[in-house]
C-alpha atoms as a PDB file:
ATOM      1  CA  MET A   1     -95.105  16.797  10.925  1.00  0.00           C
ATOM      2  CA  LEU A   2     -97.567  13.911  10.627  1.00  0.00           C
ATOM      3  CA  GLU A   3     -95.145  11.498  12.306  1.00  0.00           C
ATOM      4  CA  GLY A   4     -95.132  13.492  15.549  1.00  0.00           C
ATOM      5  CA  ARG A   5     -98.860  14.123  15.498  1.00  0.00           C
ATOM      6  CA  SER A   6     -99.791  11.451  18.051  1.00  0.00           C
ATOM      7  CA  LEU A   7     -96.991  12.587  20.361  1.00  0.00           C
ATOM      8  CA  ASN A   8     -98.154  16.184  20.080  1.00  0.00           C
ATOM      9  CA  LEU A   9    -101.725  15.164  20.904  1.00  0.00           C
ATOM     10  CA  CYS A  10    -100.442  13.283  23.931  1.00  0.00           C
ATOM     11  CA  ARG A  11     -98.472  16.321  25.071  1.00  0.00           C
ATOM     12  CA  LEU A  12    -101.433  18.596  24.435  1.00  0.00           C
ATOM     13  CA  ARG A  13    -103.639  16.323  26.530  1.00  0.00           C
ATOM     14  CA  GLU A  14    -101.122  16.371  29.395  1.00  0.00           C
ATOM     15  CA  PHE A  15    -100.806  20.152  29.124  1.00  0.00           C
ATOM     16  CA  MET A  16    -104.577  20.630  29.167  1.00  0.00           C
ATOM     17  CA  LYS A  17    -104.838  18.341  32.192  1.00  0.00           C
ATOM     18  CA  ARG A  18    -102.228  20.395  34.019  1.00  0.00           C
ATOM     19  CA  GLU A  19    -103.846  23.690  33.060  1.00  0.00           C
ATOM     20  CA  GLU A  20    -107.257  22.412  34.155  1.00  0.00           C
ATOM     21  CA  LEU A  21    -105.759  21.296  37.463  1.00  0.00           C
ATOM     22  CA  ASN A  22    -104.080  24.680  37.985  1.00  0.00           C
ATOM     23  CA  VAL A  23    -107.320  26.541  37.254  1.00  0.00           C
ATOM     24  CA  VAL A  24    -109.281  24.354  39.662  1.00  0.00           C
ATOM     25  CA  LEU A  25    -106.655  24.695  42.398  1.00  0.00           C
ATOM     26  CA  ILE A  26    -106.575  28.460  41.971  1.00  0.00           C
ATOM     27  CA  CYS A  27    -110.363  28.816  41.887  1.00  0.00           C
ATOM     28  CA  SER A  28    -111.103  26.407  44.738  1.00  0.00           C
ATOM     29  CA  PRO A  29    -108.144  25.261  46.881  1.00  0.00           C
ATOM     30  CA  GLU A  30    -110.313  22.708  48.689  1.00  0.00           C
ATOM     31  CA  ASN A  31    -110.349  20.689  45.459  1.00  0.00           C
ATOM     32  CA  ILE A  32    -106.675  19.824  46.008  1.00  0.00           C
ATOM     33  CA  TYR A  33    -107.754  16.721  47.896  1.00  0.00           C
ATOM     34  CA  HIS A  34    -110.111  15.711  45.087  1.00  0.00           C
ATOM     35  CA  PHE A  35    -107.414  15.955  42.411  1.00  0.00           C
ATOM     36  CA  SER A  36    -104.707  14.331  44.529  1.00  0.00           C
ATOM     37  CA  GLY A  37    -106.891  11.208  44.384  1.00  0.00           C
ATOM     38  CA  PHE A  38    -105.881  10.819  40.733  1.00  0.00           C
END
């Protein structure tokens, strides 16, 4: 379990980024341009 901890944190970070992006896009579609800059 401890060996995959860093990988899990990396995945969790990616997942949270995606979820945050989805929430922002759903709440305010005009922010698509802002996030596409990343």
